[in-house]
Amino acid sequence: MIDAYYWGTTNGHKMLIALLETQIEHNLIHVDIARGDQFEPEFLKIAPNNKIPAIVDHDPPSGDAPVSLFESGAILHYLAEKSGKLLPSDWQNRWETTQWVIWQVAGLGPYGGQCLHFRDFAPEKITYAIDRYTREASRLYAVLDRQLEGRDFVTGTFSIADIAMYPWIYPHPRMAQDLADYPNLKGWYEAMSERASVKEAYAYAAGLERTPIDTDDARKLLLYQDAASVRH
């Protein structure tokens, strides 16, 4: 059994889709990040970066003590290794998949997140920041579009690379990206949207009872953390 610490965010979707695809037995534990659940001491023992997702595997393949992990990229690799699914077995394709997962967590995620922040959440509209991150989002979308040319999936077969990408393409309208400009990406996105695991994950997230994020307290928790929030 895996305890999966979850909320309906881009990175939370990645973990839930992977759990559904691998069919690993799991227990979803909600961490309402607008309410501040991510700062609870018990959660911080598992996820010291106070972010979701995180997991605790009470039955690791090693047979040793429970394994806890934070960071969505690490979790995707762990679930793939544990299940024997979603990660190619041959050396070359395995590392190609790994590099694209890292590309997502190092590029598409952070820059896409900044694009969403300055377009949707920033208290003042800073033209330079909006233009900077919207342009970078378009560049990253174009990189992924080129990678998908002649392929059904990011590295040829369905893998954790595809799971990593999808939640960061899902909000493309909010990033001012028109998928018609990226035909290979558009075809992949439409096919991914029809997967049962993707539909189930997003339907589950839609049913969450969420704390509103339009209050000063919620915005402080989500947008204005600093060293003091870690040392508190």
C-alpha atoms as a PDB file:
ATOM      1  CA  MET A   1       0.000   0.000   0.000  1.00  0.00           C
ATOM      2  CA  ILE A   2       1.244   3.472  -0.893  1.00  0.00           C
ATOM      3  CA  ASP A   3       0.076   6.554   0.958  1.00  0.00           C
ATOM      4  CA  ALA A   4      -0.134   9.221  -1.756  1.00  0.00           C
ATOM      5  CA  TYR A   5      -0.230  12.818  -0.535  1.00  0.00           C
ATOM      6  CA  TYR A   6      -2.217  14.625  -3.160  1.00  0.00           C
ATOM      7  CA  TRP A   7      -3.957  17.770  -4.267  1.00  0.00           C
ATOM      8  CA  GLY A   8      -5.499  18.607  -7.640  1.00  0.00           C
ATOM      9  CA  THR A   9      -2.561  20.555  -9.053  1.00  0.00           C
ATOM     10  CA  THR A  10      -0.448  20.015 -12.151  1.00  0.00           C
ATOM     11  CA  ASN A  11       2.082  17.921 -10.248  1.00  0.00           C
ATOM     12  CA  GLY A  12      -0.619  16.180  -8.242  1.00  0.00           C
ATOM     13  CA  HIS A  13      -2.223  15.076 -11.517  1.00  0.00           C
ATOM     14  CA  LYS A  14       1.065  13.481 -12.595  1.00  0.00           C
ATOM     15  CA  MET A  15       1.191  11.232  -9.551  1.00  0.00           C
ATOM     16  CA  LEU A  16      -2.474  10.256  -9.704  1.00  0.00           C
ATOM     17  CA  ILE A  17      -2.350   9.406 -13.423  1.00  0.00           C
ATOM     18  CA  ALA A  18       0.713   7.223 -12.805  1.00  0.00           C
ATOM     19  CA  LEU A  19      -0.974   5.443  -9.897  1.00  0.00           C
ATOM     20  CA  LEU A  20      -4.025   4.753 -12.045  1.00  0.00           C
ATOM     21  CA  GLU A  21      -1.926   3.534 -14.968  1.00  0.00           C
ATOM     22  CA  THR A  22       0.201   1.199 -12.837  1.00  0.00           C
ATOM     23  CA  GLN A  23      -2.790   0.067 -10.728  1.00  0.00           C
ATOM     24  CA  ILE A  24      -0.617   0.129  -7.624  1.00  0.00           C
ATOM     25  CA  GLU A  25      -2.757  -0.076  -4.500  1.00  0.00           C
ATOM     26  CA  HIS A  26      -2.815   3.362  -2.913  1.00  0.00           C
ATOM     27  CA  ASN A  27      -4.509   5.553  -0.357  1.00  0.00           C
ATOM     28  CA  LEU A  28      -4.991   9.182  -1.420  1.00  0.00           C
ATOM     29  CA  ILE A  29      -4.418  11.640   1.414  1.00  0.00           C
ATOM     30  CA  HIS A  30      -5.636  15.151   0.631  1.00  0.00           C
ATOM     31  CA  VAL A  31      -3.277  18.041   1.326  1.00  0.00           C
ATOM     32  CA  ASP A  32      -5.273  21.251   0.857  1.00  0.00           C
ATOM     33  CA  ILE A  33      -2.481  23.650  -0.017  1.00  0.00           C
ATOM     34  CA  ALA A  34      -4.723  26.733   0.188  1.00  0.00           C
ATOM     35  CA  ARG A  35      -5.571  25.784   3.775  1.00  0.00           C
ATOM     36  CA  GLY A  36      -1.927  25.244   4.752  1.00  0.00           C
ATOM     37  CA  ASP A  37      -1.962  21.458   5.182  1.00  0.00           C
ATOM     38  CA  GLN A  38       1.499  21.329   3.552  1.00  0.00           C
ATOM     39  CA  PHE A  39       2.983  22.934   6.673  1.00  0.00           C
ATOM     40  CA  GLU A  40       1.741  20.289   9.089  1.00  0.00           C
ATOM     41  CA  PRO A  41       4.726  18.706  10.924  1.00  0.00           C
ATOM     42  CA  GLU A  42       3.794  15.167   9.912  1.00  0.00           C
ATOM     43  CA  PHE A  43       3.693  16.129   6.246  1.00  0.00           C
ATOM     44  CA  LEU A  44       6.992  18.013   6.465  1.00  0.00           C
ATOM     45  CA  LYS A  45       8.678  14.828   7.690  1.00  0.00           C
ATOM     46  CA  ILE A  46       7.805  13.302   4.330  1.00  0.00           C
ATOM     47  CA  ALA A  47       8.052  16.405   2.133  1.00  0.00           C
ATOM     48  CA  PRO A  48      10.496  18.929   3.630  1.00  0.00           C
ATOM     49  CA  ASN A  49       9.981  21.233   0.624  1.00  0.00           C
ATOM     50  CA  ASN A  50       6.328  21.642   1.737  1.00  0.00           C
ATOM     51  CA  LYS A  51       4.995  20.779  -1.712  1.00  0.00           C
ATOM     52  CA  ILE A  52       2.803  18.011  -3.055  1.00  0.00           C
ATOM     53  CA  PRO A  53       2.904  15.301  -4.265  1.00  0.00           C
ATOM     54  CA  ALA A  54       4.645  12.933  -1.888  1.00  0.00           C
ATOM     55  CA  ILE A  55       4.400   9.216  -1.195  1.00  0.00           C
ATOM     56  CA  VAL A  56       5.143   6.686   1.510  1.00  0.00           C
ATOM     57  CA  ASP A  57       5.484   3.122   0.271  1.00  0.00           C
ATOM     58  CA  HIS A  58       4.840   0.745   3.156  1.00  0.00           C
ATOM     59  CA  ASP A  59       5.790  -2.263   1.032  1.00  0.00           C
ATOM     60  CA  PRO A  60       8.891  -1.279  -0.962  1.00  0.00           C
ATOM     61  CA  PRO A  61      10.442  -3.776  -3.388  1.00  0.00           C
ATOM     62  CA  SER A  62      13.494  -4.034  -1.139  1.00  0.00           C
ATOM     63  CA  GLY A  63      11.381  -5.400   1.701  1.00  0.00           C
ATOM     64  CA  ASP A  64      13.010  -2.890   4.031  1.00  0.00           C
ATOM     65  CA  ALA A  65      11.512  -0.023   6.023  1.00  0.00           C
ATOM     66  CA  PRO A  66       8.897   2.198   4.331  1.00  0.00           C
ATOM     67  CA  VAL A  67      10.219   4.513   1.620  1.00  0.00           C
ATOM     68  CA  SER A  68       9.096   8.145   1.498  1.00  0.00           C
ATOM     69  CA  LEU A  69       9.608  10.405  -1.501  1.00  0.00           C
ATOM     70  CA  PHE A  70       8.789  13.925  -2.550  1.00  0.00           C
ATOM     71  CA  GLU A  71       9.274  15.592  -5.982  1.00  0.00           C
ATOM     72  CA  SER A  72       6.983  14.446  -8.781  1.00  0.00           C
ATOM     73  CA  GLY A  73       9.791  13.341 -11.107  1.00  0.00           C
ATOM     74  CA  ALA A  74      11.257  11.040  -8.473  1.00  0.00           C
ATOM     75  CA  ILE A  75       7.793   9.682  -7.684  1.00  0.00           C
ATOM     76  CA  LEU A  76       7.092   8.903 -11.343  1.00  0.00           C
ATOM     77  CA  HIS A  77      10.342   6.965 -11.618  1.00  0.00           C
ATOM     78  CA  TYR A  78       9.663   5.112  -8.375  1.00  0.00           C
ATOM     79  CA  LEU A  79       6.160   4.041  -9.430  1.00  0.00           C
ATOM     80  CA  ALA A  80       7.507   2.915 -12.804  1.00  0.00           C
ATOM     81  CA  GLU A  81      10.297   0.891 -11.192  1.00  0.00           C
ATOM     82  CA  LYS A  82       7.966  -0.656  -8.628  1.00  0.00           C
ATOM     83  CA  SER A  83       5.335  -1.656 -11.160  1.00  0.00           C
ATOM     84  CA  GLY A  84       7.601  -2.584 -14.053  1.00  0.00           C
ATOM     85  CA  LYS A  85       5.480  -0.303 -16.256  1.00  0.00           C
ATOM     86  CA  LEU A  86       5.829   3.115 -17.913  1.00  0.00           C
ATOM     87  CA  LEU A  87       9.623   2.955 -18.280  1.00  0.00           C
ATOM     88  CA  PRO A  88      11.308   1.136 -21.196  1.00  0.00           C
ATOM     89  CA  SER A  89      13.514  -1.786 -20.259  1.00  0.00           C
ATOM     90  CA  ASP A  90      16.142  -1.258 -22.947  1.00  0.00           C
ATOM     91  CA  TRP A  91      19.044   0.986 -21.964  1.00  0.00           C
ATOM     92  CA  GLN A  92      18.811   3.618 -24.682  1.00  0.00           C
ATOM     93  CA  ASN A  93      15.059   4.211 -24.506  1.00  0.00           C
ATOM     94  CA  ARG A  94      15.130   4.147 -20.712  1.00  0.00           C
ATOM     95  CA  TRP A  95      17.556   7.051 -20.606  1.00  0.00           C
ATOM     96  CA  GLU A  96      15.764   8.900 -23.377  1.00  0.00           C
ATOM     97  CA  THR A  97      12.615   8.728 -21.261  1.00  0.00           C
ATOM     98  CA  THR A  98      14.491   9.841 -18.153  1.00  0.00           C
ATOM     99  CA  GLN A  99      15.952  12.869 -19.900  1.00  0.00           C
ATOM    100  CA  TRP A 100      12.526  14.011 -21.074  1.00  0.00           C
ATOM    101  CA  VAL A 101      11.085  13.684 -17.574  1.00  0.00           C
ATOM    102  CA  ILE A 102      13.959  15.842 -16.330  1.00  0.00           C
ATOM    103  CA  TRP A 103      13.301  18.290 -19.177  1.00  0.00           C
ATOM    104  CA  GLN A 104       9.752  18.644 -17.915  1.00  0.00           C
ATOM    105  CA  VAL A 105      10.609  19.122 -14.254  1.00  0.00           C
ATOM    106  CA  ALA A 106      13.481  21.508 -15.038  1.00  0.00           C
ATOM    107  CA  GLY A 107      11.918  23.477 -17.899  1.00  0.00           C
ATOM    108  CA  LEU A 108       8.307  23.023 -18.910  1.00  0.00           C
ATOM    109  CA  GLY A 109       7.075  22.933 -15.308  1.00  0.00           C
ATOM    110  CA  PRO A 110       8.972  25.903 -13.824  1.00  0.00           C
ATOM    111  CA  TYR A 111       8.607  28.174 -16.846  1.00  0.00           C
ATOM    112  CA  GLY A 112       5.012  27.146 -17.418  1.00  0.00           C
ATOM    113  CA  GLY A 113       4.351  27.838 -13.755  1.00  0.00           C
ATOM    114  CA  GLN A 114       5.844  31.309 -14.015  1.00  0.00           C
ATOM    115  CA  CYS A 115       3.788  31.946 -17.133  1.00  0.00           C
ATOM    116  CA  LEU A 116       0.612  31.023 -15.259  1.00  0.00           C
ATOM    117  CA  HIS A 117       1.670  33.045 -12.229  1.00  0.00           C
ATOM    118  CA  PHE A 118       2.310  36.302 -14.037  1.00  0.00           C
ATOM    119  CA  ARG A 119      -0.700  35.929 -16.334  1.00  0.00           C
ATOM    120  CA  ASP A 120      -3.241  34.764 -13.703  1.00  0.00           C
ATOM    121  CA  PHE A 121      -2.093  35.362 -10.145  1.00  0.00           C
ATOM    122  CA  ALA A 122       0.355  38.270  -9.892  1.00  0.00           C
ATOM    123  CA  PRO A 123      -1.253  41.212  -8.064  1.00  0.00           C
ATOM    124  CA  GLU A 124       0.114  43.577 -10.696  1.00  0.00           C
ATOM    125  CA  LYS A 125       0.425  42.940 -14.421  1.00  0.00           C
ATOM    126  CA  ILE A 126       4.107  43.195 -15.317  1.00  0.00           C
ATOM    127  CA  THR A 127       4.349  43.311 -19.088  1.00  0.00           C
ATOM    128  CA  TYR A 128       7.984  42.243 -19.255  1.00  0.00           C
ATOM    129  CA  ALA A 129       7.381  39.172 -17.054  1.00  0.00           C
ATOM    130  CA  ILE A 130       4.220  38.167 -18.925  1.00  0.00           C
ATOM    131  CA  ASP A 131       5.968  38.459 -22.297  1.00  0.00           C
ATOM    132  CA  ARG A 132       9.125  36.719 -21.055  1.00  0.00           C
ATOM    133  CA  TYR A 133       7.394  33.621 -19.722  1.00  0.00           C
ATOM    134  CA  THR A 134       4.753  33.427 -22.464  1.00  0.00           C
ATOM    135  CA  ARG A 135       7.521  33.424 -25.072  1.00  0.00           C
ATOM    136  CA  GLU A 136       9.443  30.761 -23.164  1.00  0.00           C
ATOM    137  CA  ALA A 137       6.301  28.648 -22.889  1.00  0.00           C
ATOM    138  CA  SER A 138       5.920  28.887 -26.668  1.00  0.00           C
ATOM    139  CA  ARG A 139       9.545  27.833 -27.148  1.00  0.00           C
ATOM    140  CA  LEU A 140       9.112  24.813 -24.892  1.00  0.00           C
ATOM    141  CA  TYR A 141       5.879  23.826 -26.606  1.00  0.00           C
ATOM    142  CA  ALA A 142       7.731  23.986 -29.932  1.00  0.00           C
ATOM    143  CA  VAL A 143      10.515  21.752 -28.583  1.00  0.00           C
ATOM    144  CA  LEU A 144       7.964  19.161 -27.511  1.00  0.00           C
ATOM    145  CA  ASP A 145       6.098  19.502 -30.814  1.00  0.00           C
ATOM    146  CA  ARG A 146       9.303  18.735 -32.709  1.00  0.00           C
ATOM    147  CA  GLN A 147      10.051  15.747 -30.468  1.00  0.00           C
ATOM    148  CA  LEU A 148       6.592  14.331 -31.198  1.00  0.00           C
ATOM    149  CA  GLU A 149       7.002  14.470 -34.969  1.00  0.00           C
ATOM    150  CA  GLY A 150       6.394  10.935 -36.285  1.00  0.00           C
ATOM    151  CA  ARG A 151       5.756   9.607 -32.763  1.00  0.00           C
ATOM    152  CA  ASP A 152       2.574   8.708 -30.920  1.00  0.00           C
ATOM    153  CA  PHE A 153       4.279   9.325 -27.583  1.00  0.00           C
ATOM    154  CA  VAL A 154       7.175  11.441 -26.357  1.00  0.00           C
ATOM    155  CA  THR A 155       9.760   8.672 -26.563  1.00  0.00           C
ATOM    156  CA  GLY A 156       7.911   6.310 -28.872  1.00  0.00           C
ATOM    157  CA  THR A 157       5.906   4.266 -26.372  1.00  0.00           C
ATOM    158  CA  PHE A 158       3.645   5.475 -23.577  1.00  0.00           C
ATOM    159  CA  SER A 159       5.744   6.246 -20.508  1.00  0.00           C
ATOM    160  CA  ILE A 160       6.229   8.480 -17.499  1.00  0.00           C
ATOM    161  CA  ALA A 161       7.475  11.133 -19.942  1.00  0.00           C
ATOM    162  CA  ASP A 162       3.963  11.482 -21.351  1.00  0.00           C
ATOM    163  CA  ILE A 163       2.454  11.557 -17.863  1.00  0.00           C
ATOM    164  CA  ALA A 164       4.914  14.259 -16.831  1.00  0.00           C
ATOM    165  CA  MET A 165       4.060  16.481 -19.811  1.00  0.00           C
ATOM    166  CA  TYR A 166       0.285  16.312 -20.009  1.00  0.00           C
ATOM    167  CA  PRO A 167      -0.672  18.379 -16.919  1.00  0.00           C
ATOM    168  CA  TRP A 168       1.584  21.184 -18.155  1.00  0.00           C
ATOM    169  CA  ILE A 169      -0.036  21.198 -21.592  1.00  0.00           C
ATOM    170  CA  TYR A 170      -3.567  20.989 -20.171  1.00  0.00           C
ATOM    171  CA  PRO A 171      -3.646  24.702 -19.167  1.00  0.00           C
ATOM    172  CA  HIS A 172      -2.398  25.853 -22.591  1.00  0.00           C
ATOM    173  CA  PRO A 173      -5.203  28.441 -23.049  1.00  0.00           C
ATOM    174  CA  ARG A 174      -4.155  30.138 -19.806  1.00  0.00           C
ATOM    175  CA  MET A 175      -0.569  30.218 -21.117  1.00  0.00           C
ATOM    176  CA  ALA A 176      -1.826  31.908 -24.323  1.00  0.00           C
ATOM    177  CA  GLN A 177      -0.771  28.896 -26.399  1.00  0.00           C
ATOM    178  CA  ASP A 178      -2.868  27.743 -29.340  1.00  0.00           C
ATOM    179  CA  LEU A 179      -2.268  24.048 -29.997  1.00  0.00           C
ATOM    180  CA  ALA A 180      -3.097  24.614 -33.656  1.00  0.00           C
ATOM    181  CA  ASP A 181       0.392  26.157 -33.816  1.00  0.00           C
ATOM    182  CA  TYR A 182       1.872  22.828 -32.681  1.00  0.00           C
ATOM    183  CA  PRO A 183       0.202  20.099 -34.786  1.00  0.00           C
ATOM    184  CA  ASN A 184       2.188  17.142 -33.427  1.00  0.00           C
ATOM    185  CA  LEU A 185       1.615  18.275 -29.863  1.00  0.00           C
ATOM    186  CA  LYS A 186      -2.072  18.828 -30.599  1.00  0.00           C
ATOM    187  CA  GLY A 187      -2.539  15.261 -31.858  1.00  0.00           C
ATOM    188  CA  TRP A 188      -0.708  13.834 -28.850  1.00  0.00           C
ATOM    189  CA  TYR A 189      -2.692  16.004 -26.438  1.00  0.00           C
ATOM    190  CA  GLU A 190      -6.014  14.928 -27.895  1.00  0.00           C
ATOM    191  CA  ALA A 191      -5.045  11.250 -27.688  1.00  0.00           C
ATOM    192  CA  MET A 192      -3.804  11.650 -24.107  1.00  0.00           C
ATOM    193  CA  SER A 193      -7.032  13.381 -23.122  1.00  0.00           C
ATOM    194  CA  GLU A 194      -8.943  10.228 -24.070  1.00  0.00           C
ATOM    195  CA  ARG A 195      -6.956   7.898 -21.816  1.00  0.00           C
ATOM    196  CA  ALA A 196      -9.065   6.447 -19.011  1.00  0.00           C
ATOM    197  CA  SER A 197      -6.462   7.331 -16.364  1.00  0.00           C
ATOM    198  CA  VAL A 198      -6.368  10.975 -17.473  1.00  0.00           C
ATOM    199  CA  LYS A 199     -10.144  11.292 -17.492  1.00  0.00           C
ATOM    200  CA  GLU A 200     -10.410   9.695 -14.049  1.00  0.00           C
ATOM    201  CA  ALA A 201      -7.670  11.847 -12.533  1.00  0.00           C
ATOM    202  CA  TYR A 202      -9.177  15.118 -13.735  1.00  0.00           C
ATOM    203  CA  ALA A 203     -12.684  14.067 -12.767  1.00  0.00           C
ATOM    204  CA  TYR A 204     -11.437  13.253  -9.278  1.00  0.00           C
ATOM    205  CA  ALA A 205      -9.744  16.644  -8.986  1.00  0.00           C
ATOM    206  CA  ALA A 206     -12.910  18.403 -10.142  1.00  0.00           C
ATOM    207  CA  GLY A 207     -14.797  16.813  -7.260  1.00  0.00           C
ATOM    208  CA  LEU A 208     -12.471  18.105  -4.547  1.00  0.00           C
ATOM    209  CA  GLU A 209     -13.852  20.563  -2.031  1.00  0.00           C
ATOM    210  CA  ARG A 210     -11.274  23.302  -2.366  1.00  0.00           C
ATOM    211  CA  THR A 211     -10.414  26.150  -0.041  1.00  0.00           C
ATOM    212  CA  PRO A 212     -10.802  29.384  -2.043  1.00  0.00           C
ATOM    213  CA  ILE A 213      -7.488  30.935  -3.097  1.00  0.00           C
ATOM    214  CA  ASP A 214      -8.790  34.501  -3.370  1.00  0.00           C
ATOM    215  CA  THR A 215      -8.131  35.394   0.273  1.00  0.00           C
ATOM    216  CA  ASP A 216      -5.028  37.108   1.630  1.00  0.00           C
ATOM    217  CA  ASP A 217      -4.218  34.097   3.826  1.00  0.00           C
ATOM    218  CA  ALA A 218      -4.446  31.632   0.939  1.00  0.00           C
ATOM    219  CA  ARG A 219      -2.384  33.855  -1.364  1.00  0.00           C
ATOM    220  CA  LYS A 220       0.263  34.162   1.336  1.00  0.00           C
ATOM    221  CA  LEU A 221       0.457  30.386   1.678  1.00  0.00           C
ATOM    222  CA  LEU A 222       0.664  29.774  -2.058  1.00  0.00           C
ATOM    223  CA  LEU A 223       2.533  32.770  -3.450  1.00  0.00           C
ATOM    224  CA  TYR A 224       4.549  34.561  -0.784  1.00  0.00           C
ATOM    225  CA  GLN A 225       6.675  31.997   0.996  1.00  0.00           C
ATOM    226  CA  ASP A 226      10.249  32.792   1.944  1.00  0.00           C
ATOM    227  CA  ALA A 227      12.953  31.562   4.320  1.00  0.00           C
ATOM    228  CA  ALA A 228      10.784  32.460   7.308  1.00  0.00           C
ATOM    229  CA  SER A 229       8.092  30.028   6.160  1.00  0.00           C
ATOM    230  CA  VAL A 230      10.647  27.194   6.250  1.00  0.00           C
ATOM    231  CA  ARG A 231      12.048  28.206   9.641  1.00  0.00           C
ATOM    232  CA  HIS A 232       8.645  28.750  11.246  1.00  0.00           C
END
